[in-house]
Amino acid sequence: MAKPQKPIIEGLFTWPSDQPKLIGGKCRKCGVIVFPKTLYCPNPECEKDPNNMEPTLLSNHGRLWSWTITTVPPPPPFRFSEPFKPYAIGIVELPEGVKVVGLLTTTQKLNIGAEVRLKICKLFEDEENEYITWMWDPI
């Protein structure tokens, strides 16, 4: 029997969904878009009023802006599935202009400027649950 799936952190992406999207924030006053959503607008010239920030769904595709491959396990409390395998982390520029850091689904044939799409994947599991997060999947 399959274990229940749980987002690693609630509120970062739409789920369950056939077309998942990241949930960012947009300032009603100046239009700045951020991920993840913040309490206040990060624009230093904008007033620090929490009522200015509203949730906004971000595009589920973008372009790989930069990437690296990590060959050592992360320190606790971070967890990945066992046995450990090298993994890639990328910075993806979304059409909204925001850059989002995230895991990539592969370490193979990665190219700056490559189109990627958002995918919800298993990060690790314990005795009770399978924990999921967003990853970028090269198209």
N, C-alpha and C. Protein backbone atom coordinates (compact mmCIF):
# COMPACT_ATOMS: atom_id res chain seq x y z
N MET A 1 0.83 -1.18 0.00
CA MET A 1 0.00 0.00 0.00
C MET A 1 0.88 1.25 0.00
N ALA A 2 0.51 2.22 -0.82
CA ALA A 2 1.29 3.45 -0.94
C ALA A 2 1.14 4.30 0.33
N LYS A 3 2.22 4.94 0.70
CA LYS A 3 2.20 5.83 1.87
C LYS A 3 1.56 7.15 1.49
N PRO A 4 0.94 7.81 2.45
CA PRO A 4 0.40 9.14 2.18
C PRO A 4 1.52 10.11 1.78
N GLN A 5 1.23 10.99 0.85
CA GLN A 5 2.20 12.00 0.43
C GLN A 5 1.93 13.30 1.17
N LYS A 6 3.01 13.95 1.62
CA LYS A 6 2.90 15.22 2.32
C LYS A 6 3.95 16.17 1.75
N PRO A 7 3.53 17.43 1.49
CA PRO A 7 4.54 18.42 1.08
C PRO A 7 5.57 18.60 2.19
N ILE A 8 6.82 18.77 1.82
CA ILE A 8 7.89 18.96 2.80
C ILE A 8 7.64 20.23 3.62
N ILE A 9 7.07 21.25 2.96
CA ILE A 9 6.62 22.47 3.63
C ILE A 9 5.30 22.87 2.98
N GLU A 10 4.29 23.08 3.79
CA GLU A 10 2.97 23.47 3.28
C GLU A 10 3.02 24.88 2.70
N GLY A 11 2.23 25.10 1.64
CA GLY A 11 2.03 26.44 1.12
C GLY A 11 3.03 26.93 0.09
N LEU A 12 3.95 26.05 -0.35
CA LEU A 12 4.93 26.48 -1.35
C LEU A 12 4.47 26.18 -2.78
N PHE A 13 3.60 25.18 -2.93
CA PHE A 13 3.12 24.82 -4.27
C PHE A 13 1.71 24.25 -4.17
N THR A 14 1.00 24.34 -5.31
CA THR A 14 -0.34 23.77 -5.35
C THR A 14 -0.21 22.26 -5.44
N TRP A 15 -1.01 21.59 -4.61
CA TRP A 15 -0.96 20.14 -4.59
C TRP A 15 -2.14 19.63 -3.81
N PRO A 16 -2.80 18.58 -4.23
CA PRO A 16 -2.54 17.85 -5.47
C PRO A 16 -3.00 18.65 -6.68
N SER A 17 -2.31 18.42 -7.78
CA SER A 17 -2.62 19.16 -9.00
C SER A 17 -1.97 18.47 -10.19
N ASP A 18 -2.69 18.42 -11.32
CA ASP A 18 -2.10 17.90 -12.56
C ASP A 18 -1.14 18.91 -13.16
N GLN A 19 -1.36 20.18 -12.86
CA GLN A 19 -0.50 21.27 -13.34
C GLN A 19 -0.04 22.07 -12.13
N PRO A 20 0.90 21.52 -11.33
CA PRO A 20 1.30 22.21 -10.10
C PRO A 20 1.96 23.55 -10.41
N LYS A 21 1.80 24.48 -9.48
CA LYS A 21 2.42 25.80 -9.60
C LYS A 21 2.99 26.20 -8.25
N LEU A 22 4.07 26.97 -8.28
CA LEU A 22 4.62 27.53 -7.07
C LEU A 22 3.71 28.67 -6.62
N ILE A 23 3.63 28.86 -5.31
CA ILE A 23 2.83 29.95 -4.76
C ILE A 23 3.80 31.03 -4.28
N GLY A 24 3.83 32.12 -5.01
CA GLY A 24 4.68 33.24 -4.65
C GLY A 24 3.87 34.35 -4.03
N GLY A 25 4.49 35.50 -3.97
CA GLY A 25 3.81 36.68 -3.46
C GLY A 25 4.01 37.84 -4.42
N LYS A 26 3.04 38.72 -4.48
CA LYS A 26 3.13 39.91 -5.33
C LYS A 26 2.72 41.12 -4.51
N CYS A 27 3.52 42.17 -4.59
CA CYS A 27 3.22 43.40 -3.88
C CYS A 27 2.16 44.18 -4.65
N ARG A 28 1.07 44.49 -3.99
CA ARG A 28 -0.02 45.26 -4.61
C ARG A 28 0.41 46.69 -4.94
N LYS A 29 1.40 47.18 -4.22
CA LYS A 29 1.81 48.57 -4.40
C LYS A 29 2.81 48.75 -5.53
N CYS A 30 3.89 47.93 -5.54
CA CYS A 30 4.95 48.15 -6.54
C CYS A 30 5.05 47.03 -7.58
N GLY A 31 4.35 45.91 -7.37
CA GLY A 31 4.35 44.83 -8.35
C GLY A 31 5.48 43.83 -8.23
N VAL A 32 6.37 43.97 -7.25
CA VAL A 32 7.46 43.01 -7.06
C VAL A 32 6.89 41.62 -6.81
N ILE A 33 7.48 40.62 -7.47
CA ILE A 33 7.07 39.22 -7.29
C ILE A 33 8.21 38.48 -6.62
N VAL A 34 7.87 37.65 -5.62
CA VAL A 34 8.87 36.89 -4.87
C VAL A 34 8.44 35.44 -4.71
N PHE A 35 9.42 34.59 -4.48
CA PHE A 35 9.16 33.22 -4.07
C PHE A 35 10.23 32.84 -3.07
N PRO A 36 9.81 32.29 -1.93
CA PRO A 36 8.43 32.09 -1.51
C PRO A 36 7.80 33.42 -1.10
N LYS A 37 6.49 33.38 -0.87
CA LYS A 37 5.77 34.57 -0.45
C LYS A 37 6.36 35.06 0.87
N THR A 38 6.48 36.37 0.99
CA THR A 38 7.02 36.98 2.20
C THR A 38 5.95 37.82 2.88
N LEU A 39 6.20 38.15 4.13
CA LEU A 39 5.25 38.96 4.89
C LEU A 39 5.23 40.40 4.37
N TYR A 40 6.43 40.90 4.02
CA TYR A 40 6.55 42.28 3.54
C TYR A 40 7.22 42.31 2.18
N CYS A 41 6.96 43.34 1.42
CA CYS A 41 7.61 43.54 0.13
C CYS A 41 9.11 43.73 0.34
N PRO A 42 9.95 43.04 -0.42
CA PRO A 42 11.39 43.18 -0.25
C PRO A 42 11.96 44.45 -0.89
N ASN A 43 11.16 45.16 -1.66
CA ASN A 43 11.61 46.40 -2.28
C ASN A 43 11.89 47.42 -1.17
N PRO A 44 13.15 47.89 -1.05
CA PRO A 44 13.46 48.82 0.04
C PRO A 44 12.72 50.15 -0.05
N GLU A 45 12.21 50.48 -1.23
CA GLU A 45 11.49 51.74 -1.39
C GLU A 45 9.98 51.60 -1.17
N CYS A 46 9.54 50.38 -0.88
CA CYS A 46 8.11 50.12 -0.70
C CYS A 46 7.80 50.11 0.80
N GLU A 47 6.61 50.56 1.16
CA GLU A 47 6.24 50.55 2.58
C GLU A 47 6.12 49.11 3.08
N LYS A 48 6.43 48.92 4.33
CA LYS A 48 6.41 47.59 4.94
C LYS A 48 5.05 47.32 5.57
N ASP A 49 4.07 47.09 4.72
CA ASP A 49 2.69 46.82 5.13
C ASP A 49 2.33 45.41 4.68
N PRO A 50 2.04 44.49 5.60
CA PRO A 50 1.72 43.12 5.20
C PRO A 50 0.47 43.02 4.32
N ASN A 51 -0.38 44.03 4.34
CA ASN A 51 -1.56 44.02 3.48
C ASN A 51 -1.21 44.21 2.01
N ASN A 52 0.02 44.65 1.73
CA ASN A 52 0.44 44.85 0.33
C ASN A 52 0.79 43.54 -0.37
N MET A 53 1.15 42.51 0.40
CA MET A 53 1.58 41.25 -0.21
C MET A 53 0.40 40.30 -0.38
N GLU A 54 0.20 39.84 -1.61
CA GLU A 54 -0.88 38.90 -1.89
C GLU A 54 -0.30 37.64 -2.53
N PRO A 55 -0.90 36.47 -2.26
CA PRO A 55 -0.42 35.24 -2.91
C PRO A 55 -0.63 35.34 -4.42
N THR A 56 0.29 34.78 -5.17
CA THR A 56 0.16 34.73 -6.62
C THR A 56 0.73 33.42 -7.13
N LEU A 57 0.04 32.80 -8.08
CA LEU A 57 0.54 31.56 -8.67
C LEU A 57 1.55 31.92 -9.75
N LEU A 58 2.68 31.24 -9.71
CA LEU A 58 3.76 31.48 -10.66
C LEU A 58 3.70 30.47 -11.80
N SER A 59 4.35 30.80 -12.90
CA SER A 59 4.41 29.89 -14.05
C SER A 59 5.03 28.56 -13.64
N ASN A 60 4.59 27.49 -14.29
CA ASN A 60 5.15 26.17 -13.98
C ASN A 60 6.22 25.76 -14.98
N HIS A 61 6.82 26.75 -15.64
CA HIS A 61 7.93 26.50 -16.56
C HIS A 61 8.85 27.72 -16.56
N GLY A 62 10.06 27.51 -16.98
CA GLY A 62 11.03 28.60 -17.06
C GLY A 62 12.28 28.13 -17.76
N ARG A 63 13.34 28.92 -17.61
CA ARG A 63 14.63 28.61 -18.25
C ARG A 63 15.69 28.44 -17.18
N LEU A 64 16.52 27.42 -17.38
CA LEU A 64 17.62 27.15 -16.44
C LEU A 64 18.64 28.27 -16.55
N TRP A 65 18.81 29.01 -15.48
CA TRP A 65 19.69 30.18 -15.45
C TRP A 65 21.10 29.78 -15.01
N SER A 66 21.19 28.83 -14.09
CA SER A 66 22.47 28.29 -13.61
C SER A 66 22.19 26.98 -12.88
N TRP A 67 23.23 26.17 -12.69
CA TRP A 67 23.05 24.91 -11.98
C TRP A 67 24.39 24.40 -11.47
N THR A 68 24.32 23.46 -10.53
CA THR A 68 25.50 22.78 -10.01
C THR A 68 25.09 21.37 -9.59
N ILE A 69 26.06 20.49 -9.50
CA ILE A 69 25.81 19.13 -9.03
C ILE A 69 26.49 18.96 -7.67
N THR A 70 25.75 18.44 -6.71
CA THR A 70 26.25 18.22 -5.36
C THR A 70 26.53 16.73 -5.20
N THR A 71 27.75 16.42 -4.77
CA THR A 71 28.16 15.01 -4.68
C THR A 71 28.30 14.50 -3.25
N VAL A 72 27.97 15.35 -2.28
CA VAL A 72 28.00 14.91 -0.88
C VAL A 72 26.62 15.09 -0.27
N PRO A 73 26.25 14.23 0.67
CA PRO A 73 24.92 14.36 1.29
C PRO A 73 24.82 15.67 2.07
N PRO A 74 23.62 16.23 2.12
CA PRO A 74 23.44 17.44 2.92
C PRO A 74 23.49 17.09 4.40
N PRO A 75 23.86 18.06 5.25
CA PRO A 75 23.90 17.79 6.69
C PRO A 75 22.49 17.72 7.28
N PRO A 76 22.33 17.07 8.42
CA PRO A 76 21.04 17.08 9.09
C PRO A 76 20.64 18.52 9.39
N PRO A 77 19.39 18.87 9.34
CA PRO A 77 18.21 18.01 9.34
C PRO A 77 17.73 17.64 7.94
N PHE A 78 18.46 18.04 6.88
CA PHE A 78 18.03 17.79 5.52
C PHE A 78 18.14 16.30 5.21
N ARG A 79 17.16 15.80 4.45
CA ARG A 79 17.12 14.37 4.14
C ARG A 79 16.81 14.15 2.68
N PHE A 80 17.37 13.08 2.14
CA PHE A 80 17.07 12.61 0.80
C PHE A 80 16.83 11.11 0.89
N SER A 81 16.31 10.55 -0.17
CA SER A 81 16.13 9.10 -0.21
C SER A 81 17.47 8.40 -0.11
N GLU A 82 17.47 7.24 0.48
CA GLU A 82 18.68 6.43 0.60
C GLU A 82 18.65 5.35 -0.46
N PRO A 83 19.75 4.88 -0.99
CA PRO A 83 21.09 5.40 -0.74
C PRO A 83 21.28 6.76 -1.43
N PHE A 84 22.20 7.56 -0.89
CA PHE A 84 22.45 8.89 -1.42
C PHE A 84 22.99 8.80 -2.85
N LYS A 85 22.48 9.69 -3.70
CA LYS A 85 22.99 9.83 -5.07
C LYS A 85 23.26 11.31 -5.31
N PRO A 86 24.28 11.65 -6.09
CA PRO A 86 24.50 13.07 -6.41
C PRO A 86 23.22 13.68 -6.98
N TYR A 87 23.03 14.96 -6.70
CA TYR A 87 21.83 15.65 -7.17
C TYR A 87 22.20 17.02 -7.71
N ALA A 88 21.33 17.56 -8.53
CA ALA A 88 21.57 18.87 -9.13
C ALA A 88 20.61 19.89 -8.52
N ILE A 89 21.14 21.09 -8.34
CA ILE A 89 20.36 22.23 -7.89
C ILE A 89 20.45 23.28 -8.99
N GLY A 90 19.31 23.86 -9.32
CA GLY A 90 19.31 24.86 -10.38
C GLY A 90 18.62 26.14 -9.97
N ILE A 91 18.96 27.20 -10.67
CA ILE A 91 18.25 28.47 -10.56
C ILE A 91 17.48 28.62 -11.86
N VAL A 92 16.17 28.78 -11.73
CA VAL A 92 15.28 28.86 -12.89
C VAL A 92 14.66 30.25 -12.95
N GLU A 93 14.77 30.88 -14.12
CA GLU A 93 14.13 32.17 -14.31
C GLU A 93 12.75 31.95 -14.90
N LEU A 94 11.74 32.44 -14.19
CA LEU A 94 10.36 32.29 -14.62
C LEU A 94 9.96 33.48 -15.50
N PRO A 95 8.92 33.32 -16.31
CA PRO A 95 8.46 34.42 -17.17
C PRO A 95 8.13 35.69 -16.39
N GLU A 96 7.76 35.54 -15.11
CA GLU A 96 7.45 36.71 -14.28
C GLU A 96 8.70 37.50 -13.90
N GLY A 97 9.89 36.96 -14.21
CA GLY A 97 11.13 37.66 -13.91
C GLY A 97 11.80 37.22 -12.62
N VAL A 98 11.12 36.44 -11.81
CA VAL A 98 11.70 35.97 -10.55
C VAL A 98 12.55 34.73 -10.82
N LYS A 99 13.65 34.60 -10.07
CA LYS A 99 14.51 33.42 -10.17
C LYS A 99 14.26 32.55 -8.95
N VAL A 100 14.06 31.25 -9.19
CA VAL A 100 13.71 30.31 -8.13
C VAL A 100 14.75 29.20 -8.08
N VAL A 101 15.28 28.96 -6.90
CA VAL A 101 16.23 27.86 -6.68
C VAL A 101 15.44 26.60 -6.38
N GLY A 102 15.87 25.48 -6.94
CA GLY A 102 15.21 24.22 -6.66
C GLY A 102 16.03 23.05 -7.14
N LEU A 103 15.66 21.87 -6.69
CA LEU A 103 16.30 20.65 -7.16
C LEU A 103 15.93 20.41 -8.61
N LEU A 104 16.81 19.75 -9.33
CA LEU A 104 16.53 19.31 -10.69
C LEU A 104 16.28 17.80 -10.66
N THR A 105 15.49 17.29 -11.58
CA THR A 105 15.14 15.87 -11.58
C THR A 105 16.26 15.00 -12.11
N THR A 106 17.30 15.59 -12.67
CA THR A 106 18.39 14.83 -13.26
C THR A 106 19.71 15.58 -13.09
N THR A 107 20.80 14.85 -13.23
CA THR A 107 22.13 15.46 -13.26
C THR A 107 22.72 15.38 -14.66
N GLN A 108 21.95 14.87 -15.61
CA GLN A 108 22.45 14.61 -16.96
C GLN A 108 22.00 15.68 -17.96
N LYS A 109 22.88 16.00 -18.89
CA LYS A 109 22.57 16.85 -20.04
C LYS A 109 21.88 18.15 -19.64
N LEU A 110 22.44 18.83 -18.66
CA LEU A 110 21.91 20.12 -18.22
C LEU A 110 22.60 21.23 -18.98
N ASN A 111 21.83 22.20 -19.45
CA ASN A 111 22.39 23.32 -20.22
C ASN A 111 21.76 24.63 -19.78
N ILE A 112 22.60 25.64 -19.63
CA ILE A 112 22.10 26.98 -19.33
C ILE A 112 21.13 27.37 -20.45
N GLY A 113 19.99 27.93 -20.08
CA GLY A 113 18.99 28.34 -21.05
C GLY A 113 17.99 27.26 -21.42
N ALA A 114 18.21 26.03 -20.95
CA ALA A 114 17.28 24.94 -21.26
C ALA A 114 15.92 25.21 -20.62
N GLU A 115 14.87 24.83 -21.32
CA GLU A 115 13.52 24.98 -20.78
C GLU A 115 13.27 23.86 -19.77
N VAL A 116 12.66 24.22 -18.64
CA VAL A 116 12.32 23.26 -17.60
C VAL A 116 10.87 23.47 -17.19
N ARG A 117 10.29 22.42 -16.59
CA ARG A 117 8.93 22.54 -16.09
C ARG A 117 8.90 22.06 -14.65
N LEU A 118 7.93 22.55 -13.92
CA LEU A 118 7.76 22.20 -12.53
C LEU A 118 7.18 20.79 -12.41
N LYS A 119 7.72 20.03 -11.49
CA LYS A 119 7.25 18.68 -11.26
C LYS A 119 7.29 18.43 -9.76
N ILE A 120 6.29 17.74 -9.24
CA ILE A 120 6.25 17.39 -7.82
C ILE A 120 6.82 15.97 -7.69
N CYS A 121 7.85 15.84 -6.84
CA CYS A 121 8.57 14.56 -6.73
C CYS A 121 8.81 14.20 -5.26
N LYS A 122 9.04 12.93 -5.06
CA LYS A 122 9.39 12.43 -3.72
C LYS A 122 10.80 12.90 -3.37
N LEU A 123 10.95 13.43 -2.16
CA LEU A 123 12.25 13.82 -1.64
C LEU A 123 12.81 12.70 -0.76
N PHE A 124 11.97 12.20 0.16
CA PHE A 124 12.35 11.07 1.01
C PHE A 124 11.09 10.51 1.64
N GLU A 125 11.23 9.41 2.35
CA GLU A 125 10.10 8.84 3.07
C GLU A 125 10.55 8.35 4.42
N ASP A 126 9.61 8.26 5.34
CA ASP A 126 9.86 7.65 6.63
C ASP A 126 8.89 6.48 6.79
N GLU A 127 8.72 6.00 7.99
CA GLU A 127 7.87 4.85 8.21
C GLU A 127 6.41 5.12 7.86
N GLU A 128 5.99 6.40 7.97
CA GLU A 128 4.58 6.72 7.81
C GLU A 128 4.23 7.43 6.51
N ASN A 129 5.12 8.32 6.01
CA ASN A 129 4.77 9.20 4.91
C ASN A 129 5.86 9.26 3.84
N GLU A 130 5.43 9.70 2.66
CA GLU A 130 6.34 10.06 1.58
C GLU A 130 6.30 11.58 1.49
N TYR A 131 7.47 12.22 1.59
CA TYR A 131 7.54 13.68 1.60
C TYR A 131 7.91 14.17 0.21
N ILE A 132 7.14 15.13 -0.28
CA ILE A 132 7.30 15.60 -1.65
C ILE A 132 7.71 17.08 -1.67
N THR A 133 8.32 17.47 -2.78
CA THR A 133 8.71 18.85 -3.00
C THR A 133 8.66 19.15 -4.48
N TRP A 134 8.90 20.40 -4.84
CA TRP A 134 8.94 20.74 -6.25
C TRP A 134 10.35 20.51 -6.78
N MET A 135 10.44 20.15 -8.03
CA MET A 135 11.71 20.01 -8.72
C MET A 135 11.53 20.55 -10.14
N TRP A 136 12.63 20.85 -10.77
CA TRP A 136 12.60 21.33 -12.16
C TRP A 136 13.03 20.19 -13.06
N ASP A 137 12.20 19.91 -14.06
CA ASP A 137 12.42 18.80 -14.98
C ASP A 137 12.74 19.35 -16.37
N PRO A 138 13.95 19.09 -16.90
CA PRO A 138 14.26 19.57 -18.25
C PRO A 138 13.28 19.00 -19.28
N ILE A 139 12.87 19.85 -20.21
CA ILE A 139 11.93 19.43 -21.24
C ILE A 139 12.71 18.95 -22.46
